[in-house]
Amino acid sequence: MNSITDPAGGLHLPATAGRFRDLRTEALADLILGSTSRPIRRLLVVGCGSGKEAAVLAEVLEAETTGIDIVEKFDPEAAMVVRLLYGDATRLDFADGSFDCVYSYHALEHIPQHVRALQEMRRVLADDGVLCIGTPNRSRLFAYLGSRGASFREKLRWNMIDWKARLRGRFRNEYGAHAGFSSGELKRELQNVFGNAREITLPYYLRVYRRHLGMCRLLDSSGLGQILFPCVYFLGRKERAGHDPALGKPRLEARVSTGSL
């Protein structure tokens, strides 16, 4: 398969002429590909929204892709590329081990029983399958700056809502805030269910903001990224049957780690 390589960002994506393109989704697809030597043949997108994101993943990963969401407002063109279904993340209607990869982007924070959702994601993963998950960063100072189609006034208003919730001590998902998880919180949640978790927040931002590599690395090395990166991203892996995940060590490829970029 041919690939496209960006020397600045280290992006190694399959060369496709697909109709669906999105830099952020393609950056995560690149990290998924770099985390495993096994092909991604079957992909589940939990909280797929319109389905366009699932369509990007289907074309980049060349995987048979299913997307589920509790709101059935699916894009007709995306529905021609992937299977889009109504579905509850806490009760996935798929057999054990059905997918090589489960992907969930900014959905977990909206699920009241998020631990149950993670357990279901693990259940439907095949042994050695990969989980890719991202949420807003609950420790962030600001957010929404990259929101598409939103005016500056809307972004300012959303940040003010977040700050008011913080001041009231209610900046948490369970209180209805668009809070997400801090890096440490999401890592603990994933380790509790999968036994392993590798953060890919910096590699993600290095791929998305290729013109600002130095700034991204400075934020990370100084620790300021913990409050200035608006979102956090992780990869997890389902250990093979018969192995106690609590005793395992992360086995993601070195290419995913910060030091490999």
C-alpha atoms as a PDB file:
ATOM      1  CA  MET A   1       0.000   0.000   0.000  1.00  0.00           C
ATOM      2  CA  ASN A   2       1.293   3.467  -0.829  1.00  0.00           C
ATOM      3  CA  SER A   3       1.554   6.001   1.978  1.00  0.00           C
ATOM      4  CA  ILE A   4       1.824   9.741   2.465  1.00  0.00           C
ATOM      5  CA  THR A   5       4.628  10.926   4.738  1.00  0.00           C
ATOM      6  CA  ASP A   6       4.867  14.436   6.158  1.00  0.00           C
ATOM      7  CA  PRO A   7       8.469  15.000   7.312  1.00  0.00           C
ATOM      8  CA  ALA A   8       7.455  17.825   9.650  1.00  0.00           C
ATOM      9  CA  GLY A   9       4.719  15.994  11.498  1.00  0.00           C
ATOM     10  CA  GLY A  10       5.772  12.387  11.104  1.00  0.00           C
ATOM     11  CA  LEU A  11       2.427  11.508   9.587  1.00  0.00           C
ATOM     12  CA  HIS A  12       2.375   8.131   7.815  1.00  0.00           C
ATOM     13  CA  LEU A  13      -1.095   7.641   6.375  1.00  0.00           C
ATOM     14  CA  PRO A  14      -2.270   5.297   3.656  1.00  0.00           C
ATOM     15  CA  ALA A  15      -2.631   7.160   0.382  1.00  0.00           C
ATOM     16  CA  THR A  16      -6.351   7.275  -0.342  1.00  0.00           C
ATOM     17  CA  ALA A  17      -8.552   9.160  -2.713  1.00  0.00           C
ATOM     18  CA  GLY A  18     -11.428   8.981  -0.271  1.00  0.00           C
ATOM     19  CA  ARG A  19     -14.204  11.516  -0.183  1.00  0.00           C
ATOM     20  CA  PHE A  20     -13.901  11.988   3.559  1.00  0.00           C
ATOM     21  CA  ARG A  21     -10.904  13.848   4.969  1.00  0.00           C
ATOM     22  CA  ASP A  22     -10.226  15.258   8.432  1.00  0.00           C
ATOM     23  CA  LEU A  23      -6.758  16.018   9.778  1.00  0.00           C
ATOM     24  CA  ARG A  24      -7.607  15.306  13.413  1.00  0.00           C
ATOM     25  CA  THR A  25      -9.190  11.959  12.690  1.00  0.00           C
ATOM     26  CA  GLU A  26      -6.356  11.028  10.321  1.00  0.00           C
ATOM     27  CA  ALA A  27      -3.801  11.901  13.032  1.00  0.00           C
ATOM     28  CA  LEU A  28      -5.445   9.435  15.411  1.00  0.00           C
ATOM     29  CA  ALA A  29      -5.663   6.846  12.646  1.00  0.00           C
ATOM     30  CA  ASP A  30      -1.912   7.218  12.172  1.00  0.00           C
ATOM     31  CA  LEU A  31      -1.323   6.583  15.868  1.00  0.00           C
ATOM     32  CA  ILE A  32      -3.586   3.534  15.769  1.00  0.00           C
ATOM     33  CA  LEU A  33      -1.628   2.116  12.842  1.00  0.00           C
ATOM     34  CA  GLY A  34       1.643   2.753  14.652  1.00  0.00           C
ATOM     35  CA  SER A  35       0.476   0.955  17.789  1.00  0.00           C
ATOM     36  CA  THR A  36      -0.085  -2.499  16.337  1.00  0.00           C
ATOM     37  CA  SER A  37       1.411  -4.859  13.782  1.00  0.00           C
ATOM     38  CA  ARG A  38      -1.893  -6.616  13.175  1.00  0.00           C
ATOM     39  CA  PRO A  39      -4.286  -5.288  10.501  1.00  0.00           C
ATOM     40  CA  ILE A  40      -7.365  -3.370  11.575  1.00  0.00           C
ATOM     41  CA  ARG A  41     -10.065  -5.225   9.669  1.00  0.00           C
ATOM     42  CA  ARG A  42     -13.077  -4.504  11.871  1.00  0.00           C
ATOM     43  CA  LEU A  43     -13.557  -1.139  13.560  1.00  0.00           C
ATOM     44  CA  LEU A  44     -16.246   0.112  15.952  1.00  0.00           C
ATOM     45  CA  VAL A  45     -16.779   3.843  16.489  1.00  0.00           C
ATOM     46  CA  VAL A  46     -18.653   4.531  19.739  1.00  0.00           C
ATOM     47  CA  GLY A  47     -20.464   7.852  19.680  1.00  0.00           C
ATOM     48  CA  CYS A  48     -20.084   8.361  15.941  1.00  0.00           C
ATOM     49  CA  GLY A  49     -22.327  11.431  15.610  1.00  0.00           C
ATOM     50  CA  SER A  50     -23.108  12.065  11.951  1.00  0.00           C
ATOM     51  CA  GLY A  51     -20.858   9.195  10.899  1.00  0.00           C
ATOM     52  CA  LYS A  52     -18.438  11.351   8.900  1.00  0.00           C
ATOM     53  CA  GLU A  53     -15.615  10.648  11.331  1.00  0.00           C
ATOM     54  CA  ALA A  54     -16.287   6.909  11.029  1.00  0.00           C
ATOM     55  CA  ALA A  55     -16.161   7.286   7.247  1.00  0.00           C
ATOM     56  CA  VAL A  56     -12.727   8.933   7.454  1.00  0.00           C
ATOM     57  CA  LEU A  57     -11.457   6.081   9.613  1.00  0.00           C
ATOM     58  CA  ALA A  58     -12.956   3.474   7.286  1.00  0.00           C
ATOM     59  CA  GLU A  59     -11.139   4.940   4.297  1.00  0.00           C
ATOM     60  CA  VAL A  60      -7.803   5.586   6.031  1.00  0.00           C
ATOM     61  CA  LEU A  61      -7.634   2.292   7.922  1.00  0.00           C
ATOM     62  CA  GLU A  62      -9.328   0.359   5.116  1.00  0.00           C
ATOM     63  CA  ALA A  63     -11.478  -1.328   7.737  1.00  0.00           C
ATOM     64  CA  GLU A  64     -15.010  -2.630   7.789  1.00  0.00           C
ATOM     65  CA  THR A  65     -16.472   0.027  10.063  1.00  0.00           C
ATOM     66  CA  THR A  66     -19.548   0.253  12.256  1.00  0.00           C
ATOM     67  CA  GLY A  67     -20.603   3.419  14.051  1.00  0.00           C
ATOM     68  CA  ILE A  68     -23.148   3.698  16.839  1.00  0.00           C
ATOM     69  CA  ASP A  69     -24.830   6.666  18.462  1.00  0.00           C
ATOM     70  CA  ILE A  70     -27.951   7.319  20.519  1.00  0.00           C
ATOM     71  CA  VAL A  71     -28.942  10.150  18.167  1.00  0.00           C
ATOM     72  CA  GLU A  72     -29.802   8.922  14.683  1.00  0.00           C
ATOM     73  CA  LYS A  73     -28.807  11.963  12.622  1.00  0.00           C
ATOM     74  CA  PHE A  74     -26.514  10.158  10.245  1.00  0.00           C
ATOM     75  CA  ASP A  75     -25.002  11.707   7.134  1.00  0.00           C
ATOM     76  CA  PRO A  76     -26.371   9.934   4.026  1.00  0.00           C
ATOM     77  CA  GLU A  77     -22.999   9.925   2.248  1.00  0.00           C
ATOM     78  CA  ALA A  78     -21.223   8.542   5.320  1.00  0.00           C
ATOM     79  CA  ALA A  79     -23.881   5.824   5.547  1.00  0.00           C
ATOM     80  CA  MET A  80     -22.787   4.662   2.094  1.00  0.00           C
ATOM     81  CA  VAL A  81     -19.272   3.984   3.405  1.00  0.00           C
ATOM     82  CA  VAL A  82     -19.896   2.626   6.921  1.00  0.00           C
ATOM     83  CA  ARG A  83     -22.672   0.873   8.803  1.00  0.00           C
ATOM     84  CA  LEU A  84     -24.345   3.425  11.095  1.00  0.00           C
ATOM     85  CA  LEU A  85     -26.642   2.163  13.829  1.00  0.00           C
ATOM     86  CA  TYR A  86     -28.547   3.332  16.868  1.00  0.00           C
ATOM     87  CA  GLY A  87     -26.746   1.912  19.878  1.00  0.00           C
ATOM     88  CA  ASP A  88     -26.174   2.298  23.604  1.00  0.00           C
ATOM     89  CA  ALA A  89     -22.488   2.325  24.589  1.00  0.00           C
ATOM     90  CA  THR A  90     -23.299   0.634  27.898  1.00  0.00           C
ATOM     91  CA  ARG A  91     -25.067  -2.270  26.149  1.00  0.00           C
ATOM     92  CA  LEU A  92     -23.263  -2.914  22.894  1.00  0.00           C
ATOM     93  CA  ASP A  93     -25.213  -5.282  20.682  1.00  0.00           C
ATOM     94  CA  PHE A  94     -22.161  -7.172  19.404  1.00  0.00           C
ATOM     95  CA  ALA A  95     -20.601 -10.508  20.275  1.00  0.00           C
ATOM     96  CA  ASP A  96     -17.446 -10.747  22.374  1.00  0.00           C
ATOM     97  CA  GLY A  97     -14.278 -10.066  20.411  1.00  0.00           C
ATOM     98  CA  SER A  98     -16.072  -8.667  17.352  1.00  0.00           C
ATOM     99  CA  PHE A  99     -13.632  -5.818  16.573  1.00  0.00           C
ATOM    100  CA  ASP A 100      -9.906  -5.282  16.103  1.00  0.00           C
ATOM    101  CA  CYS A 101     -10.198  -1.654  17.199  1.00  0.00           C
ATOM    102  CA  VAL A 102     -12.690   0.419  19.171  1.00  0.00           C
ATOM    103  CA  TYR A 103     -12.541   4.183  18.698  1.00  0.00           C
ATOM    104  CA  SER A 104     -14.351   6.817  20.759  1.00  0.00           C
ATOM    105  CA  TYR A 105     -13.755  10.526  20.288  1.00  0.00           C
ATOM    106  CA  HIS A 106     -15.342  12.981  22.727  1.00  0.00           C
ATOM    107  CA  ALA A 107     -18.173  10.672  23.717  1.00  0.00           C
ATOM    108  CA  LEU A 108     -17.168   9.125  27.056  1.00  0.00           C
ATOM    109  CA  GLU A 109     -17.794  12.361  28.981  1.00  0.00           C
ATOM    110  CA  HIS A 110     -21.434  12.290  27.857  1.00  0.00           C
ATOM    111  CA  ILE A 111     -22.078   8.756  29.142  1.00  0.00           C
ATOM    112  CA  PRO A 112     -23.289   8.691  32.788  1.00  0.00           C
ATOM    113  CA  GLN A 113     -22.210   5.045  33.205  1.00  0.00           C
ATOM    114  CA  HIS A 114     -18.847   5.586  31.549  1.00  0.00           C
ATOM    115  CA  VAL A 115     -17.141   2.703  33.376  1.00  0.00           C
ATOM    116  CA  ARG A 116     -19.784   0.317  32.069  1.00  0.00           C
ATOM    117  CA  ALA A 117     -19.195   1.728  28.571  1.00  0.00           C
ATOM    118  CA  LEU A 118     -15.457   1.065  28.855  1.00  0.00           C
ATOM    119  CA  GLN A 119     -16.152  -2.475  30.032  1.00  0.00           C
ATOM    120  CA  GLU A 120     -18.375  -3.026  26.992  1.00  0.00           C
ATOM    121  CA  MET A 121     -15.699  -1.638  24.677  1.00  0.00           C
ATOM    122  CA  ARG A 122     -13.222  -4.111  26.152  1.00  0.00           C
ATOM    123  CA  ARG A 123     -15.688  -6.977  25.800  1.00  0.00           C
ATOM    124  CA  VAL A 124     -16.236  -6.459  22.070  1.00  0.00           C
ATOM    125  CA  LEU A 125     -12.509  -6.065  21.369  1.00  0.00           C
ATOM    126  CA  ALA A 126     -10.635  -9.072  20.060  1.00  0.00           C
ATOM    127  CA  ASP A 127      -7.598 -10.264  22.016  1.00  0.00           C
ATOM    128  CA  ASP A 128      -4.740  -7.841  21.357  1.00  0.00           C
ATOM    129  CA  GLY A 129      -7.284  -5.350  19.985  1.00  0.00           C
ATOM    130  CA  VAL A 130      -6.637  -1.610  20.314  1.00  0.00           C
ATOM    131  CA  LEU A 131      -8.746   1.069  21.974  1.00  0.00           C
ATOM    132  CA  CYS A 132      -8.336   4.715  20.926  1.00  0.00           C
ATOM    133  CA  ILE A 133     -10.132   7.250  23.077  1.00  0.00           C
ATOM    134  CA  GLY A 134     -10.128  11.008  23.524  1.00  0.00           C
ATOM    135  CA  THR A 135     -12.019  13.408  25.762  1.00  0.00           C
ATOM    136  CA  PRO A 136     -11.878  17.057  26.768  1.00  0.00           C
ATOM    137  CA  ASN A 137      -9.183  17.783  29.342  1.00  0.00           C
ATOM    138  CA  ARG A 138     -10.879  18.604  32.655  1.00  0.00           C
ATOM    139  CA  SER A 139      -7.737  20.448  33.823  1.00  0.00           C
ATOM    140  CA  ARG A 140      -7.731  22.827  30.837  1.00  0.00           C
ATOM    141  CA  LEU A 141      -7.746  26.593  31.252  1.00  0.00           C
ATOM    142  CA  PHE A 142      -9.433  27.252  27.914  1.00  0.00           C
ATOM    143  CA  ALA A 143     -11.240  25.220  25.288  1.00  0.00           C
ATOM    144  CA  TYR A 144     -13.256  25.378  22.070  1.00  0.00           C
ATOM    145  CA  LEU A 145     -10.664  27.557  20.292  1.00  0.00           C
ATOM    146  CA  GLY A 146     -10.533  25.106  17.403  1.00  0.00           C
ATOM    147  CA  SER A 147     -14.291  24.527  17.240  1.00  0.00           C
ATOM    148  CA  ARG A 148     -15.444  24.622  13.649  1.00  0.00           C
ATOM    149  CA  GLY A 149     -18.339  26.835  12.675  1.00  0.00           C
ATOM    150  CA  ALA A 150     -18.413  28.651  16.019  1.00  0.00           C
ATOM    151  CA  SER A 151     -18.010  32.400  16.392  1.00  0.00           C
ATOM    152  CA  PHE A 152     -15.563  34.009  18.814  1.00  0.00           C
ATOM    153  CA  ARG A 153     -18.530  35.106  20.926  1.00  0.00           C
ATOM    154  CA  GLU A 154     -19.815  31.530  21.155  1.00  0.00           C
ATOM    155  CA  LYS A 155     -16.388  30.215  22.139  1.00  0.00           C
ATOM    156  CA  LEU A 156     -16.079  32.906  24.810  1.00  0.00           C
ATOM    157  CA  ARG A 157     -19.545  32.103  26.154  1.00  0.00           C
ATOM    158  CA  TRP A 158     -18.756  28.376  26.361  1.00  0.00           C
ATOM    159  CA  ASN A 159     -15.536  29.083  28.270  1.00  0.00           C
ATOM    160  CA  MET A 160     -17.434  31.365  30.668  1.00  0.00           C
ATOM    161  CA  ILE A 161     -19.935  28.567  31.328  1.00  0.00           C
ATOM    162  CA  ASP A 162     -17.033  26.229  32.127  1.00  0.00           C
ATOM    163  CA  TRP A 163     -15.415  28.735  34.474  1.00  0.00           C
ATOM    164  CA  LYS A 164     -18.666  29.387  36.328  1.00  0.00           C
ATOM    165  CA  ALA A 165     -19.028  25.636  36.856  1.00  0.00           C
ATOM    166  CA  ARG A 166     -15.451  25.500  38.187  1.00  0.00           C
ATOM    167  CA  LEU A 167     -16.071  28.329  40.638  1.00  0.00           C
ATOM    168  CA  ARG A 168     -19.152  26.517  41.928  1.00  0.00           C
ATOM    169  CA  GLY A 169     -17.203  23.261  42.264  1.00  0.00           C
ATOM    170  CA  ARG A 170     -19.428  21.603  39.676  1.00  0.00           C
ATOM    171  CA  PHE A 171     -17.089  21.228  36.717  1.00  0.00           C
ATOM    172  CA  ARG A 172     -17.671  17.517  36.422  1.00  0.00           C
ATOM    173  CA  ASN A 173     -19.437  15.342  33.869  1.00  0.00           C
ATOM    174  CA  GLU A 174     -21.957  14.069  36.406  1.00  0.00           C
ATOM    175  CA  TYR A 175     -23.145  17.634  37.022  1.00  0.00           C
ATOM    176  CA  GLY A 176     -23.838  18.195  33.348  1.00  0.00           C
ATOM    177  CA  ALA A 177     -20.670  20.181  32.619  1.00  0.00           C
ATOM    178  CA  HIS A 178     -18.720  19.570  29.420  1.00  0.00           C
ATOM    179  CA  ALA A 179     -15.741  18.697  31.605  1.00  0.00           C
ATOM    180  CA  GLY A 180     -14.188  15.502  30.309  1.00  0.00           C
ATOM    181  CA  PHE A 181     -11.329  13.908  32.231  1.00  0.00           C
ATOM    182  CA  SER A 182      -7.885  15.038  33.251  1.00  0.00           C
ATOM    183  CA  SER A 183      -4.966  13.019  31.916  1.00  0.00           C
ATOM    184  CA  GLY A 184      -4.556  11.253  35.252  1.00  0.00           C
ATOM    185  CA  GLU A 185      -8.271  10.552  35.616  1.00  0.00           C
ATOM    186  CA  LEU A 186      -8.643   9.024  32.163  1.00  0.00           C
ATOM    187  CA  LYS A 187      -5.475   6.983  32.567  1.00  0.00           C
ATOM    188  CA  ARG A 188      -6.774   5.490  35.839  1.00  0.00           C
ATOM    189  CA  GLU A 189     -10.158   4.687  34.301  1.00  0.00           C
ATOM    190  CA  LEU A 190      -8.513   2.897  31.374  1.00  0.00           C
ATOM    191  CA  GLN A 191      -6.017   1.037  33.550  1.00  0.00           C
ATOM    192  CA  ASN A 192      -8.829  -0.185  35.783  1.00  0.00           C
ATOM    193  CA  VAL A 193     -10.621  -1.742  32.808  1.00  0.00           C
ATOM    194  CA  PHE A 194      -7.835  -2.598  30.345  1.00  0.00           C
ATOM    195  CA  GLY A 195      -4.884  -2.954  32.708  1.00  0.00           C
ATOM    196  CA  ASN A 196      -2.807  -0.652  30.494  1.00  0.00           C
ATOM    197  CA  ALA A 197      -3.015   2.792  28.912  1.00  0.00           C
ATOM    198  CA  ARG A 198      -0.552   4.873  26.941  1.00  0.00           C
ATOM    199  CA  GLU A 199      -1.101   8.610  26.566  1.00  0.00           C
ATOM    200  CA  ILE A 200      -0.772   9.948  23.026  1.00  0.00           C
ATOM    201  CA  THR A 201      -1.820  13.560  23.659  1.00  0.00           C
ATOM    202  CA  LEU A 202       1.502  15.071  22.576  1.00  0.00           C
ATOM    203  CA  PRO A 203       1.926  12.845  19.479  1.00  0.00           C
ATOM    204  CA  TYR A 204      -1.616  13.805  18.490  1.00  0.00           C
ATOM    205  CA  TYR A 205      -0.992  17.550  18.754  1.00  0.00           C
ATOM    206  CA  LEU A 206       2.346  17.241  16.956  1.00  0.00           C
ATOM    207  CA  ARG A 207       0.475  15.751  14.014  1.00  0.00           C
ATOM    208  CA  VAL A 208      -2.381  18.245  14.036  1.00  0.00           C
ATOM    209  CA  TYR A 209      -0.301  21.399  14.578  1.00  0.00           C
ATOM    210  CA  ARG A 210       2.693  20.618  12.390  1.00  0.00           C
ATOM    211  CA  ARG A 211       3.614  24.292  12.047  1.00  0.00           C
ATOM    212  CA  HIS A 212       3.973  24.619  15.817  1.00  0.00           C
ATOM    213  CA  LEU A 213       6.042  21.577  16.763  1.00  0.00           C
ATOM    214  CA  GLY A 214       8.393  23.534  19.027  1.00  0.00           C
ATOM    215  CA  MET A 215       5.558  25.130  20.966  1.00  0.00           C
ATOM    216  CA  CYS A 216       3.783  21.801  21.441  1.00  0.00           C
ATOM    217  CA  ARG A 217       6.967  20.173  22.737  1.00  0.00           C
ATOM    218  CA  LEU A 218       7.660  23.133  25.049  1.00  0.00           C
ATOM    219  CA  LEU A 219       4.176  22.947  26.539  1.00  0.00           C
ATOM    220  CA  ASP A 220       4.644  19.242  27.150  1.00  0.00           C
ATOM    221  CA  SER A 221       8.161  19.416  28.627  1.00  0.00           C
ATOM    222  CA  SER A 222       7.282  22.349  30.896  1.00  0.00           C
ATOM    223  CA  GLY A 223       4.157  20.681  32.234  1.00  0.00           C
ATOM    224  CA  LEU A 224       1.978  23.500  30.919  1.00  0.00           C
ATOM    225  CA  GLY A 225       0.376  21.091  28.479  1.00  0.00           C
ATOM    226  CA  GLN A 226      -1.573  19.644  31.396  1.00  0.00           C
ATOM    227  CA  ILE A 227      -3.613  22.841  31.532  1.00  0.00           C
ATOM    228  CA  LEU A 228      -3.217  24.212  27.996  1.00  0.00           C
ATOM    229  CA  PHE A 229      -3.868  21.141  25.846  1.00  0.00           C
ATOM    230  CA  PRO A 230      -7.669  21.219  25.571  1.00  0.00           C
ATOM    231  CA  CYS A 231      -8.079  17.462  25.166  1.00  0.00           C
ATOM    232  CA  VAL A 232      -6.386  14.228  26.208  1.00  0.00           C
ATOM    233  CA  TYR A 233      -5.919  11.080  24.130  1.00  0.00           C
ATOM    234  CA  PHE A 234      -4.984   7.502  25.009  1.00  0.00           C
ATOM    235  CA  LEU A 235      -4.460   4.107  23.457  1.00  0.00           C
ATOM    236  CA  GLY A 236      -5.218   0.902  25.323  1.00  0.00           C
ATOM    237  CA  ARG A 237      -4.920  -2.752  24.432  1.00  0.00           C
ATOM    238  CA  LYS A 238      -6.928  -5.819  25.342  1.00  0.00           C
ATOM    239  CA  GLU A 239      -4.558  -8.468  26.632  1.00  0.00           C
ATOM    240  CA  ARG A 240      -4.842 -11.973  25.292  1.00  0.00           C
ATOM    241  CA  ALA A 241      -7.158 -14.407  27.068  1.00  0.00           C
ATOM    242  CA  GLY A 242      -5.603 -16.061  30.093  1.00  0.00           C
ATOM    243  CA  HIS A 243      -3.414 -13.054  30.914  1.00  0.00           C
ATOM    244  CA  ASP A 244      -4.224 -10.943  33.955  1.00  0.00           C
ATOM    245  CA  PRO A 245      -4.333  -7.369  32.584  1.00  0.00           C
ATOM    246  CA  ALA A 246      -3.671  -5.933  36.027  1.00  0.00           C
ATOM    247  CA  LEU A 247      -0.209  -7.547  35.931  1.00  0.00           C
ATOM    248  CA  GLY A 248       0.596  -6.566  32.366  1.00  0.00           C
ATOM    249  CA  LYS A 249       2.712  -3.742  31.101  1.00  0.00           C
ATOM    250  CA  PRO A 250       1.751  -1.461  28.219  1.00  0.00           C
ATOM    251  CA  ARG A 251       2.876  -3.133  24.997  1.00  0.00           C
ATOM    252  CA  LEU A 252       2.191  -0.332  22.576  1.00  0.00           C
ATOM    253  CA  GLU A 253       4.913   0.252  20.035  1.00  0.00           C
ATOM    254  CA  ALA A 254       7.617   2.767  20.819  1.00  0.00           C
ATOM    255  CA  ARG A 255       6.473   4.837  17.864  1.00  0.00           C
ATOM    256  CA  VAL A 256       3.463   5.943  19.904  1.00  0.00           C
ATOM    257  CA  SER A 257       5.540   7.315  22.766  1.00  0.00           C
ATOM    258  CA  THR A 258       6.633  10.926  22.956  1.00  0.00           C
ATOM    259  CA  GLY A 259      10.281  10.034  22.616  1.00  0.00           C
ATOM    260  CA  SER A 260       9.751   8.347  19.270  1.00  0.00           C
ATOM    261  CA  LEU A 261       8.676  11.479  17.423  1.00  0.00           C
END
